[in-house]
C-alpha cells in the first residue's frame, strides 16, 4: 500500500501531466484549425487560433508554477526529479508551438485578401506529419514511453524533405507568376512554421528519453557557439537581432544581446517583430555587465560603432564583428517612413545572421 508521501507525489505528477496534456491538445487544435483556415481562407477561424494562443500561454505559466511547487514541496530525486526538469523544458517547446500556430494564422489573414491559388494539399502533407508528431510526443511524455518517443523523432527528417520540396514548388509558381511575392513570403513562412513544429516535437521526444532513461543526448555531436549582439542600448537593434537569431532554432548556437547600458525595450520594436511573427514581448534590456563571461563568447557582434568598446583587447580568440546599422527607433517621419526604417534594419540583420550561421555550420540552414 502506498504511503501518504507516495500518494502526494503521484497526485502532483498526475496534475502536471494533466496540464501538459491539455496544453498539447490546444496546440494540436490550433494547428488543425490553421490548416482548415488555410484551405477555406477562413478569417474567423484564423482569429480564433490567435486568441487560443493566450490560453496556451496561460497554461505555460501554470505548468511552470506546478513544477516549482513540486520541486519545493516534494524535494524529488532520480526519476521524479528528471520528470520535473523535462517538464519545464517540454513546457517551453509547447508554448513555442502555440506561437507558431499564431504566426501561421496571421499569415493566413494576409492571404485571405489575395486572389491566389494555394497548393493546400502540399501543406496538408507536412501538417499531417507534424501535428501527429506533437500528439505522439506529448503522449510519450504522459505515458513515459521511450519507444514511442524514439519512433516519433524519426519522422522529423521526412518533414524537412517535404518542406524543401514545397519551397521549391512555391518558388517555381512565383517565377511563373502564379503566386505574387507577397503571397510567396506568407506561404513560405507557413511551411517553415509547420516544419518547426516537427522540430519542437522531436525536442520533446528528446526530453522524454532523458526523463525515462537518464540519457542526455540533446546536443549529441554538436559544439555550441555563444554569440552576443552588442549595442549602445539593448532596446532596439540588438533585441531585433536576438529575436531573429533565436527564430532560426539552431541548437548549435546560444544567442544573447546586451548594451553598454540598459533601458526599456523599444515598444515599436516589439510591435514590429510581432508583425514578423517573432515574440519579443518578454524580453528585457540587459547591460554588458549582466552578461557572465563575455570574453568567453565565441562571437561578438557590434551593431553600433560605440559598442566596439566592449570587444576584448587583442590578442583574443573571440571573433569580433562590426555590423553597424542605423537605429530605426531614432527615425522620425511618417508612419510609412518609420516602418521602412525598421524593415531595412530587420532585413540587414536577418541576412547577415543567416549568412553567419551558415558559415559556422558549413551548410544551409533553410
Protein backbone atom coordinates (compact mmCIF):
# COMPACT_ATOMS: atom_id res chain seq x y z
CA UNK A 1 0.00 0.00 0.00
CA UNK A 2 1.36 3.38 -0.98
CA UNK A 3 2.40 5.71 1.81
CA UNK A 4 0.93 9.19 2.24
CA UNK A 5 4.11 10.74 0.78
CA UNK A 6 3.98 8.43 -2.24
CA UNK A 7 0.33 9.29 -2.84
CA UNK A 8 1.11 13.01 -2.57
CA UNK A 9 4.00 12.64 -5.02
CA UNK A 10 1.82 10.80 -7.55
CA UNK A 11 -1.01 13.35 -7.25
CA UNK A 12 1.41 16.16 -8.09
CA UNK A 13 2.84 14.21 -11.04
CA UNK A 14 -0.65 13.43 -12.37
CA UNK A 15 -1.63 17.10 -12.08
CA UNK A 16 1.46 18.19 -14.03
CA UNK A 17 0.85 15.58 -16.72
CA UNK A 18 -2.80 16.63 -17.00
CA UNK A 19 -1.86 20.26 -17.65
CA UNK A 20 0.81 19.30 -20.21
CA UNK A 21 -1.77 17.07 -21.95
CA UNK A 22 -4.23 19.96 -22.07
CA UNK A 23 -1.57 22.28 -23.45
CA UNK A 24 -0.63 19.74 -26.12
CA UNK A 25 -4.30 19.28 -27.08
CA UNK A 26 -4.70 23.04 -27.53
CA UNK A 27 -1.58 23.15 -29.71
CA UNK A 28 -2.92 20.31 -31.86
CA UNK A 29 -6.31 22.01 -32.23
CA UNK A 30 -4.68 25.33 -33.15
CA UNK A 31 -2.58 23.69 -35.86
CA UNK A 32 -5.55 21.74 -37.28
CA UNK A 33 -7.61 24.93 -37.31
CA UNK A 34 -4.76 26.63 -39.15
CA UNK A 35 -4.91 24.03 -41.90
CA UNK A 36 -8.68 24.38 -42.17
CA UNK A 37 -8.42 28.18 -42.22
CA UNK A 38 -5.77 27.95 -44.94
CA UNK A 39 -7.89 25.64 -47.09
CA UNK A 40 -11.06 27.71 -46.65
CA UNK A 41 -9.42 31.17 -46.35
CA UNK A 42 -11.46 31.41 -43.16
CA UNK A 43 -10.65 34.64 -41.33
CA UNK A 44 -12.85 33.84 -38.32
CA UNK A 45 -11.04 30.56 -37.72
CA UNK A 46 -7.67 32.26 -38.11
CA UNK A 47 -8.63 34.84 -35.48
CA UNK A 48 -9.75 32.04 -33.13
CA UNK A 49 -6.27 30.48 -33.39
CA UNK A 50 -4.69 33.81 -32.49
CA UNK A 51 -6.93 34.08 -29.42
CA UNK A 52 -6.24 30.47 -28.42
CA UNK A 53 -2.55 31.33 -28.03
CA UNK A 54 -3.49 33.30 -24.91
CA UNK A 55 -4.89 30.12 -23.36
CA UNK A 56 -1.71 28.22 -24.26
CA UNK A 57 0.42 30.97 -22.72
CA UNK A 58 -1.70 30.79 -19.57
CA UNK A 59 -1.17 27.06 -19.33
CA UNK A 60 2.58 27.55 -19.75
CA UNK A 61 2.63 29.77 -16.67
CA UNK A 62 0.51 27.28 -14.75
CA UNK A 63 2.79 24.35 -15.61
CA UNK A 64 5.79 26.41 -14.53
CA UNK A 65 4.08 27.12 -11.22
CA UNK A 66 3.18 23.47 -10.67
CA UNK A 67 6.75 22.35 -11.40
CA UNK A 68 8.20 24.92 -9.00
CA UNK A 69 5.79 23.88 -6.25
CA UNK A 70 6.58 20.23 -6.96
CA UNK A 71 10.31 20.82 -6.58
CA UNK A 72 9.88 22.78 -3.36
CA UNK A 73 7.24 20.57 -1.73
CA UNK A 74 8.39 17.10 -2.79
CA UNK A 75 12.18 17.59 -2.98
CA UNK A 76 12.21 14.88 -5.69
CA UNK A 77 15.21 12.74 -6.63
CA UNK A 78 16.07 10.38 -9.51
CA UNK A 79 13.09 9.75 -11.81
CA UNK A 80 10.67 12.34 -10.36
CA UNK A 81 13.40 14.98 -10.46
CA UNK A 82 14.12 14.20 -14.13
CA UNK A 83 10.38 14.40 -14.81
CA UNK A 84 10.17 17.89 -13.31
CA UNK A 85 13.23 19.08 -15.22
CA UNK A 86 11.99 17.57 -18.50
CA UNK A 87 8.53 19.08 -17.97
CA UNK A 88 9.94 22.59 -17.65
CA UNK A 89 11.72 22.20 -20.99
CA UNK A 90 8.76 20.49 -22.69
CA UNK A 91 6.55 23.31 -21.46
CA UNK A 92 8.71 25.81 -23.37
CA UNK A 93 8.59 23.68 -26.52
CA UNK A 94 4.79 23.52 -26.46
CA UNK A 95 4.49 27.25 -25.83
CA UNK A 96 6.63 27.78 -28.91
CA UNK A 97 4.32 25.51 -30.94
CA UNK A 98 1.45 27.77 -29.87
CA UNK A 99 3.42 30.76 -31.09
CA UNK A 100 3.98 29.04 -34.44
CA UNK A 101 0.25 28.39 -34.79
CA UNK A 102 -0.50 32.03 -34.03
CA UNK A 103 2.05 33.17 -36.61
CA UNK A 104 0.60 30.79 -39.22
CA UNK A 105 -2.85 32.25 -38.54
CA UNK A 106 -1.54 35.78 -39.04
CA UNK A 107 -0.03 34.79 -42.37
CA UNK A 108 -3.35 33.23 -43.38
CA UNK A 109 -5.08 36.54 -42.65
CA UNK A 110 -2.75 38.18 -45.18
CA UNK A 111 -3.59 35.53 -47.78
CA UNK A 112 -7.37 35.89 -47.41
CA UNK A 113 -7.23 39.27 -49.12
CA UNK A 114 -5.24 37.92 -52.10
CA UNK A 115 -6.53 36.20 -55.20
CA UNK A 116 -4.11 33.29 -55.18
CA UNK A 117 -4.43 29.53 -55.61
CA UNK A 118 -2.85 27.89 -52.58
CA UNK A 119 -1.46 24.34 -53.01
CA UNK A 120 -3.30 23.21 -49.89
CA UNK A 121 -2.61 19.52 -50.45
CA UNK A 122 1.14 20.13 -50.23
CA UNK A 123 0.77 21.96 -46.91
CA UNK A 124 -1.50 19.15 -45.70
CA UNK A 125 1.31 16.66 -46.35
CA UNK A 126 3.53 18.49 -43.87
CA UNK A 127 0.74 19.18 -41.37
CA UNK A 128 -0.38 15.56 -41.41
CA UNK A 129 3.06 14.57 -40.20
CA UNK A 130 3.98 17.40 -37.84
CA UNK A 131 0.65 17.55 -35.97
CA UNK A 132 0.63 13.81 -35.11
CA UNK A 133 4.25 14.24 -34.02
CA UNK A 134 3.11 16.76 -31.41
CA UNK A 135 0.35 14.40 -30.31
CA UNK A 136 2.66 11.40 -30.00
CA UNK A 137 5.45 13.35 -28.34
CA UNK A 138 3.07 14.54 -25.59
CA UNK A 139 1.62 11.04 -25.32
CA UNK A 140 5.12 9.60 -24.88
CA UNK A 141 5.66 12.08 -22.03
CA UNK A 142 2.40 11.29 -20.25
CA UNK A 143 2.86 7.54 -20.60
CA UNK A 144 6.65 7.74 -20.13
CA UNK A 145 7.03 5.68 -23.30
CA UNK A 146 10.63 5.87 -24.53
CA UNK A 147 9.96 3.65 -27.55
CA UNK A 148 7.16 5.92 -28.77
CA UNK A 149 9.46 8.93 -28.33
CA UNK A 150 12.15 7.26 -30.47
CA UNK A 151 9.68 6.34 -33.23
CA UNK A 152 8.15 9.81 -33.26
CA UNK A 153 11.55 11.52 -33.58
CA UNK A 154 12.29 9.63 -36.79
CA UNK A 155 9.51 11.44 -38.69
CA UNK A 156 11.25 14.82 -38.43
CA UNK A 157 13.62 14.20 -41.35
CA UNK A 158 10.72 13.41 -43.68
CA UNK A 159 9.05 16.70 -42.72
CA UNK A 160 12.29 18.54 -43.57
CA UNK A 161 12.30 16.89 -47.00
CA UNK A 162 8.67 17.80 -47.68
CA UNK A 163 9.26 21.42 -46.67
CA UNK A 164 12.21 21.71 -49.05
CA UNK A 165 10.11 20.30 -51.90
CA UNK A 166 7.23 22.63 -51.07
CA UNK A 167 9.51 25.67 -51.04
CA UNK A 168 10.86 24.66 -54.46
CA UNK A 169 7.32 24.38 -55.80
CA UNK A 170 6.36 27.76 -54.36
CA UNK A 171 9.40 29.40 -55.91
CA UNK A 172 8.55 27.84 -59.28
CA UNK A 173 4.96 29.09 -59.08
CA UNK A 174 6.29 32.54 -58.22
CA UNK A 175 8.58 32.54 -61.25
CA UNK A 176 5.60 31.51 -63.40
CA UNK A 177 3.66 34.50 -62.00
CA UNK A 178 1.06 32.22 -60.40
CA UNK A 179 1.95 33.41 -56.89
CA UNK A 180 2.81 37.08 -56.18
CA UNK A 181 5.75 37.96 -53.95
CA UNK A 182 3.51 38.94 -51.03
CA UNK A 183 1.80 35.55 -51.09
CA UNK A 184 5.10 33.73 -51.58
CA UNK A 185 6.55 35.18 -48.37
CA UNK A 186 3.43 34.27 -46.38
CA UNK A 187 3.25 30.73 -47.79
CA UNK A 188 6.94 30.04 -47.18
CA UNK A 189 6.56 31.29 -43.61
CA UNK A 190 3.63 28.91 -43.08
CA UNK A 191 5.66 26.00 -44.46
CA UNK A 192 8.60 26.94 -42.25
CA UNK A 193 6.46 27.07 -39.11
CA UNK A 194 4.82 23.71 -39.78
CA UNK A 195 8.32 22.27 -40.22
CA UNK A 196 9.40 23.94 -36.97
CA UNK A 197 6.52 22.19 -35.21
CA UNK A 198 8.15 18.86 -36.08
CA UNK A 199 11.43 20.19 -34.65
CA UNK A 200 9.71 21.06 -31.37
CA UNK A 201 8.07 17.61 -31.29
CA UNK A 202 11.49 16.00 -31.74
CA UNK A 203 12.85 18.16 -28.93
CA UNK A 204 10.01 16.98 -26.68
CA UNK A 205 10.84 13.37 -27.54
CA UNK A 206 14.48 14.00 -26.62
CA UNK A 207 13.37 15.30 -23.22
CA UNK A 208 11.15 12.25 -22.77
CA UNK A 209 14.11 9.96 -23.46
CA UNK A 210 16.12 11.86 -20.84
CA UNK A 211 13.23 11.57 -18.38
CA UNK A 212 12.77 7.84 -18.98
CA UNK A 213 16.38 6.70 -19.30
CA UNK A 214 18.56 9.44 -17.83
CA UNK A 215 20.48 9.65 -21.11
CA UNK A 216 21.21 13.23 -22.15
CA UNK A 217 21.78 13.35 -25.92
CA UNK A 218 20.15 16.72 -26.55
CA UNK A 219 23.33 18.18 -28.08
CA UNK A 220 24.97 14.98 -29.18
CA UNK A 221 27.58 15.61 -31.86
CA UNK A 222 27.26 19.40 -31.67
CA UNK A 223 29.54 22.17 -30.49
CA UNK A 224 27.71 25.17 -29.07
CA UNK A 225 28.77 28.63 -30.22
CA UNK A 226 27.84 31.55 -27.98
CA UNK A 227 27.05 34.74 -29.90
CA UNK A 228 26.19 38.10 -28.28
CA UNK A 229 24.83 41.13 -30.14
CA UNK A 230 26.11 44.39 -28.65
CA UNK A 231 24.56 47.85 -28.91
CA UNK A 232 24.78 51.18 -27.15
CA UNK A 233 21.43 50.43 -25.51
CA UNK A 234 19.88 46.99 -25.55
CA UNK A 235 16.48 48.30 -26.64
CA UNK A 236 16.08 48.02 -30.42
CA UNK A 237 18.72 46.70 -32.86
CA UNK A 238 20.24 44.12 -30.54
CA UNK A 239 16.81 42.94 -29.37
CA UNK A 240 15.79 42.58 -33.00
CA UNK A 241 18.96 40.63 -33.80
CA UNK A 242 18.49 38.26 -30.83
CA UNK A 243 14.87 37.55 -31.83
CA UNK A 244 15.84 36.87 -35.45
CA UNK A 245 18.71 34.60 -34.42
CA UNK A 246 16.59 32.58 -32.00
CA UNK A 247 13.92 32.12 -34.68
CA UNK A 248 16.46 30.10 -36.69
CA UNK A 249 16.14 27.41 -33.99
CA UNK A 250 19.78 26.34 -34.22
CA UNK A 251 20.74 24.07 -31.30
CA UNK A 252 24.44 24.61 -32.06
CA UNK A 253 24.14 28.28 -31.03
CA UNK A 254 23.27 30.22 -27.90
CA UNK A 255 22.26 33.79 -28.77
CA UNK A 256 22.04 36.79 -26.49
CA UNK A 257 22.18 40.58 -26.56
CA UNK A 258 23.32 43.43 -24.34
CA UNK A 259 24.06 47.14 -24.37
CA UNK A 260 26.70 49.39 -22.94
CA UNK A 261 23.77 50.46 -20.82
CA UNK A 262 20.27 49.05 -20.34
CA UNK A 263 16.95 50.78 -20.81
CA UNK A 264 13.34 49.93 -21.59
CA UNK A 265 12.87 47.77 -24.70
CA UNK A 266 11.52 49.91 -27.54
CA UNK A 267 7.72 49.24 -27.81
CA UNK A 268 7.79 49.88 -31.57
CA UNK A 269 10.43 47.15 -31.92
CA UNK A 270 8.22 44.67 -30.06
CA UNK A 271 5.24 45.54 -32.27
CA UNK A 272 7.32 45.36 -35.45
CA UNK A 273 8.74 41.95 -34.54
CA UNK A 274 5.23 40.72 -33.72
CA UNK A 275 4.20 41.60 -37.29
CA UNK A 276 7.14 39.48 -38.44
CA UNK A 277 5.91 36.53 -36.39
CA UNK A 278 8.52 36.97 -33.61
CA UNK A 279 7.54 37.42 -29.97
CA UNK A 280 9.85 39.76 -28.05
CA UNK A 281 7.23 40.86 -25.51
CA UNK A 282 9.02 39.04 -22.69
CA UNK A 283 12.46 40.38 -23.47
CA UNK A 284 14.20 42.67 -21.01
CA UNK A 285 17.02 45.09 -21.62
CA UNK A 286 20.42 43.99 -20.27
CA UNK A 287 23.70 45.78 -19.83
CA UNK A 288 27.04 44.19 -20.66
CA UNK A 289 27.93 43.71 -17.00
CA UNK A 290 24.87 41.44 -16.71
CA UNK A 291 26.33 39.01 -19.28
CA UNK A 292 28.51 36.42 -17.50
CA UNK A 293 31.91 35.61 -19.00
CA UNK A 294 31.53 37.90 -22.01
CA UNK A 295 35.14 37.22 -23.01
CA UNK A 296 34.36 33.50 -23.19
CA UNK A 297 31.89 34.01 -26.05
CA UNK A 298 32.91 32.69 -29.44
CA UNK A 299 31.42 35.62 -31.42
CA UNK A 300 30.67 39.25 -30.53
CA UNK A 301 28.76 41.45 -32.98
CA UNK A 302 28.67 45.24 -32.57
CA UNK A 303 25.58 46.89 -34.08
CA UNK A 304 26.78 50.42 -33.29
CA UNK A 305 30.31 51.87 -33.55
CA UNK A 306 30.46 52.70 -29.84
CA UNK A 307 29.58 49.10 -28.94
CA UNK A 308 33.02 48.05 -30.14
CA UNK A 309 34.32 49.33 -26.81
CA UNK A 310 33.07 46.04 -25.34
CA UNK A 311 35.35 43.97 -27.59
CA UNK A 312 38.16 42.26 -25.64
CA UNK A 313 41.65 43.63 -26.31
CA UNK A 314 43.89 41.86 -28.82
CA UNK A 315 45.14 39.22 -28.93
CA UNK A 316 41.90 37.32 -28.40
CA UNK A 317 40.25 34.12 -29.59
CA UNK A 318 36.87 35.85 -29.72
CA UNK A 319 35.61 36.65 -33.23
CA UNK A 320 34.63 40.34 -33.19
CA UNK A 321 32.39 41.66 -35.99
CA UNK A 322 31.19 45.19 -36.73
CA UNK A 323 27.70 45.26 -38.25
CA UNK A 324 26.92 48.87 -37.52
CA UNK A 325 23.41 49.62 -38.80
CA UNK A 326 21.07 52.61 -38.29
CA UNK A 327 18.87 52.53 -35.20
CA UNK A 328 15.29 52.68 -36.55
CA UNK A 329 13.91 53.77 -33.17
CA UNK A 330 15.62 57.13 -33.73
CA UNK A 331 13.98 57.73 -37.10
CA UNK A 332 11.38 60.48 -37.33
CA UNK A 333 8.90 60.86 -40.17
CA UNK A 334 5.64 59.44 -41.44
CA UNK A 335 4.45 56.01 -40.23
CA UNK A 336 5.44 54.58 -43.62
CA UNK A 337 8.95 56.03 -43.36
CA UNK A 338 9.38 54.68 -39.82
CA UNK A 339 8.12 51.24 -40.87
CA UNK A 340 10.54 51.26 -43.81
CA UNK A 341 13.43 52.04 -41.45
CA UNK A 342 12.55 49.14 -39.18
CA UNK A 343 12.16 46.84 -42.16
CA UNK A 344 15.54 47.84 -43.61
CA UNK A 345 17.32 47.11 -40.33
CA UNK A 346 15.43 43.83 -39.97
CA UNK A 347 16.40 42.65 -43.47
CA UNK A 348 20.04 43.67 -42.93
CA UNK A 349 20.23 41.74 -39.66
CA UNK A 350 18.31 38.73 -40.95
CA UNK A 351 20.57 38.32 -43.98
CA UNK A 352 23.80 38.82 -42.01
CA UNK A 353 22.77 36.46 -39.21
CA UNK A 354 21.69 33.76 -41.61
CA UNK A 355 24.93 34.07 -43.59
CA UNK A 356 27.00 33.91 -40.39
CA UNK A 357 25.21 30.84 -39.04
CA UNK A 358 25.54 29.08 -42.39
CA UNK A 359 29.25 29.91 -42.46
CA UNK A 360 29.80 28.47 -38.99
CA UNK A 361 27.71 25.35 -39.64
CA UNK A 362 29.08 24.82 -43.14
CA UNK A 363 25.65 24.01 -44.63
CA UNK A 364 22.29 25.53 -45.49
CA UNK A 365 20.03 26.12 -42.51
CA UNK A 366 16.90 26.76 -44.51
